[in-house]
Amino acid sequence: MTVTGTAAFHDESRGAERGPDTIYSFALDGVRFCHVGDLGCLLTDEQIKSIGPVDVLLLPVGGFFTLDVGKLDRLVAQLNPRVVVPMHFKTRYTPKLPIATVDGFLRGKSNVKRLGTAAFAVGKSDLPAQQEIWVLEIK
């Protein structure tokens, strides 16, 4: 397996506020994954090219330390994954963190699939024809 790291920033000030971020992309069994880390800015064309095609996007949706909910749809459109997996959001286990719950990101979206489990397996044949948001159960 080859893992590619793409340099990005943790804020919209080219890292001046929160420093750098690294976006990791890799493929397993023909499925391309992308973990954007604590991304705080939209992507450049060069970064999108470095990341390449994305099937499953692991996306921080809680804001504050990362992109706010208003820019997340634009980031998803930039990468155009088949599956978006929300992460890095407030849960009952993190009540004191100054981040939002997943609900703000999901609001108004009809392509949400709550998996009812804390894990999932995915192969190329499991990918949906149309983009879906897969929400894991937090345990």
N, C-alpha and C. Protein backbone atom coordinates (compact mmCIF):
# COMPACT_ATOMS: atom_id res chain seq x y z
N MET A 1 0.85 -1.17 0.00
CA MET A 1 0.00 0.00 0.00
C MET A 1 0.89 1.23 0.00
N THR A 2 0.54 2.20 -0.80
CA THR A 2 1.25 3.48 -0.83
C THR A 2 0.36 4.54 -0.20
N VAL A 3 0.94 5.29 0.72
CA VAL A 3 0.24 6.40 1.36
C VAL A 3 0.88 7.69 0.86
N THR A 4 0.05 8.60 0.37
CA THR A 4 0.54 9.89 -0.11
C THR A 4 0.14 10.97 0.86
N GLY A 5 1.10 11.77 1.28
CA GLY A 5 0.83 12.93 2.14
C GLY A 5 0.83 14.19 1.30
N THR A 6 -0.20 14.98 1.44
CA THR A 6 -0.32 16.24 0.72
C THR A 6 -0.34 17.38 1.73
N ALA A 7 0.58 18.31 1.59
CA ALA A 7 0.67 19.44 2.52
C ALA A 7 -0.53 20.36 2.37
N ALA A 8 -1.06 20.79 3.51
CA ALA A 8 -2.18 21.73 3.54
C ALA A 8 -2.03 22.57 4.81
N PHE A 9 -3.10 23.27 5.18
CA PHE A 9 -3.03 24.12 6.36
C PHE A 9 -4.21 23.87 7.28
N HIS A 10 -3.96 24.13 8.55
CA HIS A 10 -4.94 23.94 9.61
C HIS A 10 -5.83 25.17 9.75
N ASP A 11 -5.61 26.18 8.93
CA ASP A 11 -6.39 27.41 8.99
C ASP A 11 -6.40 28.07 7.62
N GLU A 12 -7.09 29.18 7.51
CA GLU A 12 -7.18 29.89 6.23
C GLU A 12 -6.09 30.95 6.09
N SER A 13 -5.13 30.96 7.02
CA SER A 13 -4.04 31.94 7.01
C SER A 13 -2.71 31.28 6.67
N ARG A 14 -2.77 30.26 5.81
CA ARG A 14 -1.57 29.52 5.39
C ARG A 14 -0.76 29.00 6.59
N GLY A 15 -1.47 28.58 7.64
CA GLY A 15 -0.84 28.00 8.81
C GLY A 15 -0.41 28.97 9.88
N ALA A 16 -0.61 30.27 9.68
CA ALA A 16 -0.16 31.27 10.65
C ALA A 16 -0.85 31.14 12.00
N GLU A 17 -2.10 30.66 12.03
CA GLU A 17 -2.85 30.55 13.28
C GLU A 17 -2.70 29.18 13.95
N ARG A 18 -2.84 28.12 13.17
CA ARG A 18 -2.85 26.77 13.75
C ARG A 18 -1.82 25.83 13.13
N GLY A 19 -1.04 26.31 12.20
CA GLY A 19 0.03 25.50 11.65
C GLY A 19 -0.37 24.66 10.45
N PRO A 20 0.50 23.73 10.09
CA PRO A 20 0.27 22.91 8.90
C PRO A 20 -0.68 21.74 9.17
N ASP A 21 -1.12 21.15 8.11
CA ASP A 21 -1.95 19.94 8.14
C ASP A 21 -1.44 19.04 7.03
N THR A 22 -1.56 17.75 7.20
CA THR A 22 -1.22 16.82 6.13
C THR A 22 -2.44 15.99 5.79
N ILE A 23 -2.76 15.93 4.53
CA ILE A 23 -3.87 15.13 4.02
C ILE A 23 -3.28 13.81 3.55
N TYR A 24 -3.83 12.70 4.01
CA TYR A 24 -3.32 11.39 3.61
C TYR A 24 -4.32 10.71 2.69
N SER A 25 -3.82 10.20 1.58
CA SER A 25 -4.65 9.42 0.66
C SER A 25 -3.96 8.10 0.36
N PHE A 26 -4.77 7.07 0.18
CA PHE A 26 -4.24 5.72 -0.07
C PHE A 26 -5.34 4.86 -0.67
N ALA A 27 -4.95 3.75 -1.26
CA ALA A 27 -5.91 2.81 -1.84
C ALA A 27 -5.74 1.45 -1.20
N LEU A 28 -6.85 0.80 -0.93
CA LEU A 28 -6.88 -0.58 -0.43
C LEU A 28 -7.91 -1.34 -1.25
N ASP A 29 -7.50 -2.43 -1.85
CA ASP A 29 -8.40 -3.28 -2.63
C ASP A 29 -9.21 -2.47 -3.65
N GLY A 30 -8.57 -1.51 -4.27
CA GLY A 30 -9.23 -0.73 -5.31
C GLY A 30 -10.10 0.41 -4.83
N VAL A 31 -10.17 0.63 -3.52
CA VAL A 31 -10.95 1.73 -2.95
C VAL A 31 -9.98 2.81 -2.50
N ARG A 32 -10.20 4.05 -2.98
CA ARG A 32 -9.32 5.17 -2.65
C ARG A 32 -9.89 5.95 -1.46
N PHE A 33 -9.08 6.05 -0.41
CA PHE A 33 -9.46 6.74 0.81
C PHE A 33 -8.70 8.05 0.93
N CYS A 34 -9.32 9.02 1.58
CA CYS A 34 -8.66 10.29 1.86
C CYS A 34 -9.05 10.74 3.26
N HIS A 35 -8.05 11.01 4.09
CA HIS A 35 -8.23 11.54 5.45
C HIS A 35 -7.63 12.93 5.44
N VAL A 36 -8.48 13.95 5.57
CA VAL A 36 -7.98 15.32 5.44
C VAL A 36 -7.40 15.89 6.73
N GLY A 37 -7.37 15.10 7.80
CA GLY A 37 -6.80 15.60 9.05
C GLY A 37 -7.62 16.76 9.58
N ASP A 38 -6.95 17.74 10.17
CA ASP A 38 -7.62 18.94 10.69
C ASP A 38 -7.57 20.06 9.67
N LEU A 39 -8.06 19.80 8.50
CA LEU A 39 -8.00 20.76 7.40
C LEU A 39 -8.80 22.02 7.74
N GLY A 40 -8.18 23.18 7.54
CA GLY A 40 -8.84 24.43 7.86
C GLY A 40 -9.02 25.35 6.66
N CYS A 41 -8.82 24.83 5.46
CA CYS A 41 -8.94 25.66 4.25
C CYS A 41 -9.40 24.79 3.09
N LEU A 42 -9.97 25.45 2.09
CA LEU A 42 -10.33 24.73 0.87
C LEU A 42 -9.06 24.37 0.12
N LEU A 43 -9.16 23.46 -0.82
CA LEU A 43 -7.99 22.92 -1.51
C LEU A 43 -7.65 23.71 -2.77
N THR A 44 -6.38 23.71 -3.09
CA THR A 44 -5.93 24.28 -4.35
C THR A 44 -6.02 23.20 -5.43
N ASP A 45 -5.95 23.61 -6.68
CA ASP A 45 -5.95 22.64 -7.78
C ASP A 45 -4.78 21.68 -7.67
N GLU A 46 -3.63 22.18 -7.22
CA GLU A 46 -2.45 21.34 -7.05
C GLU A 46 -2.68 20.27 -5.98
N GLN A 47 -3.30 20.64 -4.88
CA GLN A 47 -3.59 19.68 -3.81
C GLN A 47 -4.59 18.63 -4.29
N ILE A 48 -5.61 19.06 -5.01
CA ILE A 48 -6.61 18.12 -5.53
C ILE A 48 -5.94 17.11 -6.46
N LYS A 49 -5.04 17.57 -7.28
CA LYS A 49 -4.31 16.68 -8.19
C LYS A 49 -3.44 15.70 -7.40
N SER A 50 -2.77 16.18 -6.35
CA SER A 50 -1.93 15.32 -5.52
C SER A 50 -2.75 14.23 -4.83
N ILE A 51 -3.92 14.59 -4.35
CA ILE A 51 -4.80 13.63 -3.66
C ILE A 51 -5.33 12.60 -4.64
N GLY A 52 -5.73 13.03 -5.81
CA GLY A 52 -6.26 12.12 -6.81
C GLY A 52 -7.72 11.78 -6.55
N PRO A 53 -8.25 10.79 -7.28
CA PRO A 53 -9.65 10.41 -7.11
C PRO A 53 -9.90 9.88 -5.69
N VAL A 54 -11.07 10.17 -5.16
CA VAL A 54 -11.42 9.75 -3.80
C VAL A 54 -12.74 8.99 -3.83
N ASP A 55 -12.74 7.79 -3.25
CA ASP A 55 -13.97 7.03 -3.07
C ASP A 55 -14.58 7.29 -1.70
N VAL A 56 -13.73 7.26 -0.66
CA VAL A 56 -14.19 7.43 0.72
C VAL A 56 -13.42 8.59 1.34
N LEU A 57 -14.16 9.62 1.74
CA LEU A 57 -13.57 10.81 2.34
C LEU A 57 -13.87 10.84 3.83
N LEU A 58 -12.83 10.87 4.66
CA LEU A 58 -12.97 11.02 6.11
C LEU A 58 -12.86 12.51 6.39
N LEU A 59 -13.97 13.11 6.84
CA LEU A 59 -14.11 14.56 6.86
C LEU A 59 -14.42 15.11 8.24
N PRO A 60 -13.57 15.98 8.80
CA PRO A 60 -13.88 16.62 10.08
C PRO A 60 -15.01 17.63 9.88
N VAL A 61 -16.08 17.50 10.65
CA VAL A 61 -17.26 18.36 10.43
C VAL A 61 -17.62 19.21 11.64
N GLY A 62 -16.83 19.18 12.70
CA GLY A 62 -17.16 19.92 13.92
C GLY A 62 -16.80 21.38 13.90
N GLY A 63 -16.00 21.81 12.93
CA GLY A 63 -15.61 23.21 12.86
C GLY A 63 -14.69 23.62 13.99
N PHE A 64 -14.58 24.90 14.24
CA PHE A 64 -13.73 25.55 15.23
C PHE A 64 -12.25 25.35 14.92
N PHE A 65 -11.76 24.12 15.00
CA PHE A 65 -10.35 23.83 14.69
C PHE A 65 -10.17 23.51 13.20
N THR A 66 -11.26 23.33 12.50
CA THR A 66 -11.24 22.90 11.10
C THR A 66 -12.21 23.77 10.29
N LEU A 67 -12.42 23.42 9.04
CA LEU A 67 -13.37 24.16 8.21
C LEU A 67 -14.74 24.23 8.89
N ASP A 68 -15.39 25.38 8.77
CA ASP A 68 -16.73 25.49 9.33
C ASP A 68 -17.73 24.84 8.39
N VAL A 69 -18.91 24.59 8.92
CA VAL A 69 -19.92 23.84 8.19
C VAL A 69 -20.28 24.52 6.87
N GLY A 70 -20.17 25.81 6.78
CA GLY A 70 -20.50 26.53 5.56
C GLY A 70 -19.57 26.22 4.39
N LYS A 71 -18.37 25.73 4.67
CA LYS A 71 -17.41 25.44 3.61
C LYS A 71 -17.26 23.95 3.32
N LEU A 72 -17.86 23.12 4.15
CA LEU A 72 -17.68 21.67 3.99
C LEU A 72 -18.26 21.16 2.67
N ASP A 73 -19.42 21.66 2.28
CA ASP A 73 -20.01 21.21 1.02
C ASP A 73 -19.11 21.56 -0.16
N ARG A 74 -18.44 22.70 -0.09
CA ARG A 74 -17.52 23.09 -1.16
C ARG A 74 -16.33 22.15 -1.21
N LEU A 75 -15.81 21.75 -0.04
CA LEU A 75 -14.70 20.80 0.00
C LEU A 75 -15.13 19.45 -0.57
N VAL A 76 -16.30 18.99 -0.18
CA VAL A 76 -16.82 17.72 -0.70
C VAL A 76 -16.95 17.80 -2.22
N ALA A 77 -17.42 18.92 -2.72
CA ALA A 77 -17.54 19.09 -4.17
C ALA A 77 -16.17 19.09 -4.85
N GLN A 78 -15.15 19.63 -4.17
CA GLN A 78 -13.81 19.63 -4.74
C GLN A 78 -13.29 18.21 -4.95
N LEU A 79 -13.57 17.31 -4.00
CA LEU A 79 -13.03 15.95 -4.06
C LEU A 79 -14.01 14.95 -4.66
N ASN A 80 -15.29 15.26 -4.60
CA ASN A 80 -16.34 14.44 -5.21
C ASN A 80 -16.24 12.95 -4.87
N PRO A 81 -16.20 12.61 -3.57
CA PRO A 81 -16.13 11.20 -3.19
C PRO A 81 -17.47 10.50 -3.35
N ARG A 82 -17.44 9.19 -3.36
CA ARG A 82 -18.68 8.40 -3.39
C ARG A 82 -19.28 8.32 -1.98
N VAL A 83 -18.39 8.30 -0.97
CA VAL A 83 -18.83 8.20 0.42
C VAL A 83 -18.11 9.26 1.24
N VAL A 84 -18.87 9.95 2.10
CA VAL A 84 -18.30 10.89 3.06
C VAL A 84 -18.56 10.32 4.44
N VAL A 85 -17.50 10.20 5.25
CA VAL A 85 -17.63 9.72 6.62
C VAL A 85 -17.31 10.89 7.55
N PRO A 86 -18.33 11.46 8.21
CA PRO A 86 -18.08 12.57 9.13
C PRO A 86 -17.28 12.11 10.35
N MET A 87 -16.39 12.98 10.80
CA MET A 87 -15.58 12.70 11.99
C MET A 87 -15.27 14.02 12.68
N HIS A 88 -14.62 13.94 13.83
CA HIS A 88 -14.13 15.12 14.55
C HIS A 88 -15.28 16.08 14.86
N PHE A 89 -16.32 15.56 15.52
CA PHE A 89 -17.47 16.38 15.91
C PHE A 89 -17.83 16.08 17.35
N LYS A 90 -18.60 16.97 17.96
CA LYS A 90 -18.98 16.82 19.36
C LYS A 90 -19.91 15.62 19.52
N THR A 91 -19.64 14.84 20.57
CA THR A 91 -20.49 13.70 20.92
C THR A 91 -20.74 13.75 22.43
N ARG A 92 -21.50 12.81 22.92
CA ARG A 92 -21.74 12.77 24.37
C ARG A 92 -20.45 12.54 25.15
N TYR A 93 -19.42 12.03 24.47
CA TYR A 93 -18.14 11.78 25.13
C TYR A 93 -17.23 13.00 25.12
N THR A 94 -17.58 14.02 24.36
CA THR A 94 -16.73 15.21 24.24
C THR A 94 -17.54 16.49 24.47
N PRO A 95 -18.31 16.57 25.56
CA PRO A 95 -19.23 17.70 25.73
C PRO A 95 -18.53 19.05 25.92
N LYS A 96 -17.29 19.06 26.35
CA LYS A 96 -16.61 20.32 26.63
C LYS A 96 -15.82 20.88 25.45
N LEU A 97 -15.68 20.11 24.40
CA LEU A 97 -14.94 20.62 23.23
C LEU A 97 -15.77 21.69 22.52
N PRO A 98 -15.12 22.74 22.04
CA PRO A 98 -15.84 23.85 21.38
C PRO A 98 -16.15 23.56 19.91
N ILE A 99 -16.57 22.34 19.62
CA ILE A 99 -16.88 21.96 18.24
C ILE A 99 -18.37 21.62 18.15
N ALA A 100 -18.88 21.59 16.94
CA ALA A 100 -20.30 21.31 16.70
C ALA A 100 -20.56 19.81 16.60
N THR A 101 -21.81 19.45 16.75
CA THR A 101 -22.22 18.06 16.52
C THR A 101 -22.25 17.81 15.01
N VAL A 102 -22.52 16.60 14.63
CA VAL A 102 -22.61 16.24 13.21
C VAL A 102 -23.86 16.83 12.55
N ASP A 103 -24.84 17.22 13.36
CA ASP A 103 -26.14 17.64 12.83
C ASP A 103 -26.07 18.83 11.87
N GLY A 104 -25.21 19.79 12.15
CA GLY A 104 -25.09 20.95 11.26
C GLY A 104 -24.66 20.55 9.86
N PHE A 105 -23.73 19.61 9.78
CA PHE A 105 -23.27 19.14 8.48
C PHE A 105 -24.36 18.35 7.75
N LEU A 106 -25.14 17.59 8.50
CA LEU A 106 -26.17 16.73 7.90
C LEU A 106 -27.44 17.49 7.52
N ARG A 107 -27.65 18.66 8.12
CA ARG A 107 -28.89 19.41 7.92
C ARG A 107 -29.18 19.63 6.43
N GLY A 108 -30.39 19.25 6.03
CA GLY A 108 -30.84 19.47 4.67
C GLY A 108 -30.36 18.44 3.66
N LYS A 109 -29.61 17.45 4.11
CA LYS A 109 -29.09 16.44 3.19
C LYS A 109 -29.97 15.19 3.21
N SER A 110 -30.26 14.65 2.06
CA SER A 110 -31.11 13.46 1.98
C SER A 110 -30.31 12.18 1.73
N ASN A 111 -29.02 12.33 1.51
CA ASN A 111 -28.19 11.17 1.17
C ASN A 111 -27.46 10.60 2.38
N VAL A 112 -28.07 10.72 3.55
CA VAL A 112 -27.45 10.28 4.81
C VAL A 112 -27.84 8.84 5.11
N LYS A 113 -26.84 8.05 5.44
CA LYS A 113 -27.06 6.65 5.81
C LYS A 113 -26.42 6.44 7.18
N ARG A 114 -27.25 6.25 8.20
CA ARG A 114 -26.73 5.98 9.54
C ARG A 114 -26.47 4.48 9.63
N LEU A 115 -25.21 4.12 9.82
CA LEU A 115 -24.83 2.71 9.74
C LEU A 115 -25.22 1.90 10.96
N GLY A 116 -25.42 2.54 12.12
CA GLY A 116 -25.81 1.80 13.32
C GLY A 116 -24.69 0.94 13.88
N THR A 117 -23.47 1.20 13.46
CA THR A 117 -22.31 0.46 13.94
C THR A 117 -21.12 1.42 13.99
N ALA A 118 -20.11 1.04 14.76
CA ALA A 118 -18.93 1.90 14.91
C ALA A 118 -17.85 1.58 13.87
N ALA A 119 -18.12 0.63 12.98
CA ALA A 119 -17.13 0.24 11.98
C ALA A 119 -17.85 -0.18 10.70
N PHE A 120 -17.14 -0.15 9.61
CA PHE A 120 -17.70 -0.63 8.36
C PHE A 120 -16.58 -1.22 7.51
N ALA A 121 -16.96 -2.14 6.65
CA ALA A 121 -16.05 -2.69 5.66
C ALA A 121 -16.57 -2.24 4.30
N VAL A 122 -15.66 -1.90 3.41
CA VAL A 122 -16.09 -1.43 2.10
C VAL A 122 -15.15 -1.95 1.03
N GLY A 123 -15.72 -2.48 -0.02
CA GLY A 123 -14.98 -2.88 -1.21
C GLY A 123 -15.51 -2.07 -2.38
N LYS A 124 -14.86 -2.20 -3.50
CA LYS A 124 -15.26 -1.44 -4.69
C LYS A 124 -16.74 -1.66 -5.02
N SER A 125 -17.20 -2.89 -4.89
CA SER A 125 -18.60 -3.20 -5.23
C SER A 125 -19.60 -2.66 -4.21
N ASP A 126 -19.12 -2.24 -3.03
CA ASP A 126 -20.00 -1.69 -1.99
C ASP A 126 -20.24 -0.19 -2.16
N LEU A 127 -19.46 0.45 -3.01
CA LEU A 127 -19.58 1.90 -3.16
C LEU A 127 -20.90 2.25 -3.83
N PRO A 128 -21.60 3.25 -3.31
CA PRO A 128 -22.88 3.64 -3.90
C PRO A 128 -22.70 4.32 -5.25
N ALA A 129 -23.72 4.23 -6.09
CA ALA A 129 -23.67 4.88 -7.40
C ALA A 129 -23.71 6.40 -7.24
N GLN A 130 -24.49 6.86 -6.27
CA GLN A 130 -24.58 8.29 -5.96
C GLN A 130 -23.94 8.54 -4.60
N GLN A 131 -23.40 9.72 -4.41
CA GLN A 131 -22.71 10.06 -3.16
C GLN A 131 -23.63 9.86 -1.95
N GLU A 132 -23.06 9.26 -0.92
CA GLU A 132 -23.77 9.06 0.35
C GLU A 132 -22.89 9.54 1.49
N ILE A 133 -23.54 9.90 2.60
CA ILE A 133 -22.85 10.23 3.84
C ILE A 133 -23.11 9.08 4.79
N TRP A 134 -22.04 8.42 5.22
CA TRP A 134 -22.16 7.29 6.13
C TRP A 134 -21.79 7.75 7.54
N VAL A 135 -22.77 7.75 8.44
CA VAL A 135 -22.54 8.19 9.81
C VAL A 135 -22.37 6.96 10.69
N LEU A 136 -21.21 6.88 11.32
CA LEU A 136 -20.92 5.78 12.22
C LEU A 136 -21.56 6.04 13.58
N GLU A 137 -21.90 4.97 14.28
CA GLU A 137 -22.39 5.08 15.65
C GLU A 137 -21.18 5.27 16.55
N ILE A 138 -21.27 6.21 17.46
CA ILE A 138 -20.16 6.47 18.39
C ILE A 138 -20.36 5.62 19.62
N LYS A 139 -19.38 4.78 19.93
CA LYS A 139 -19.47 3.91 21.11
C LYS A 139 -18.42 4.29 22.12
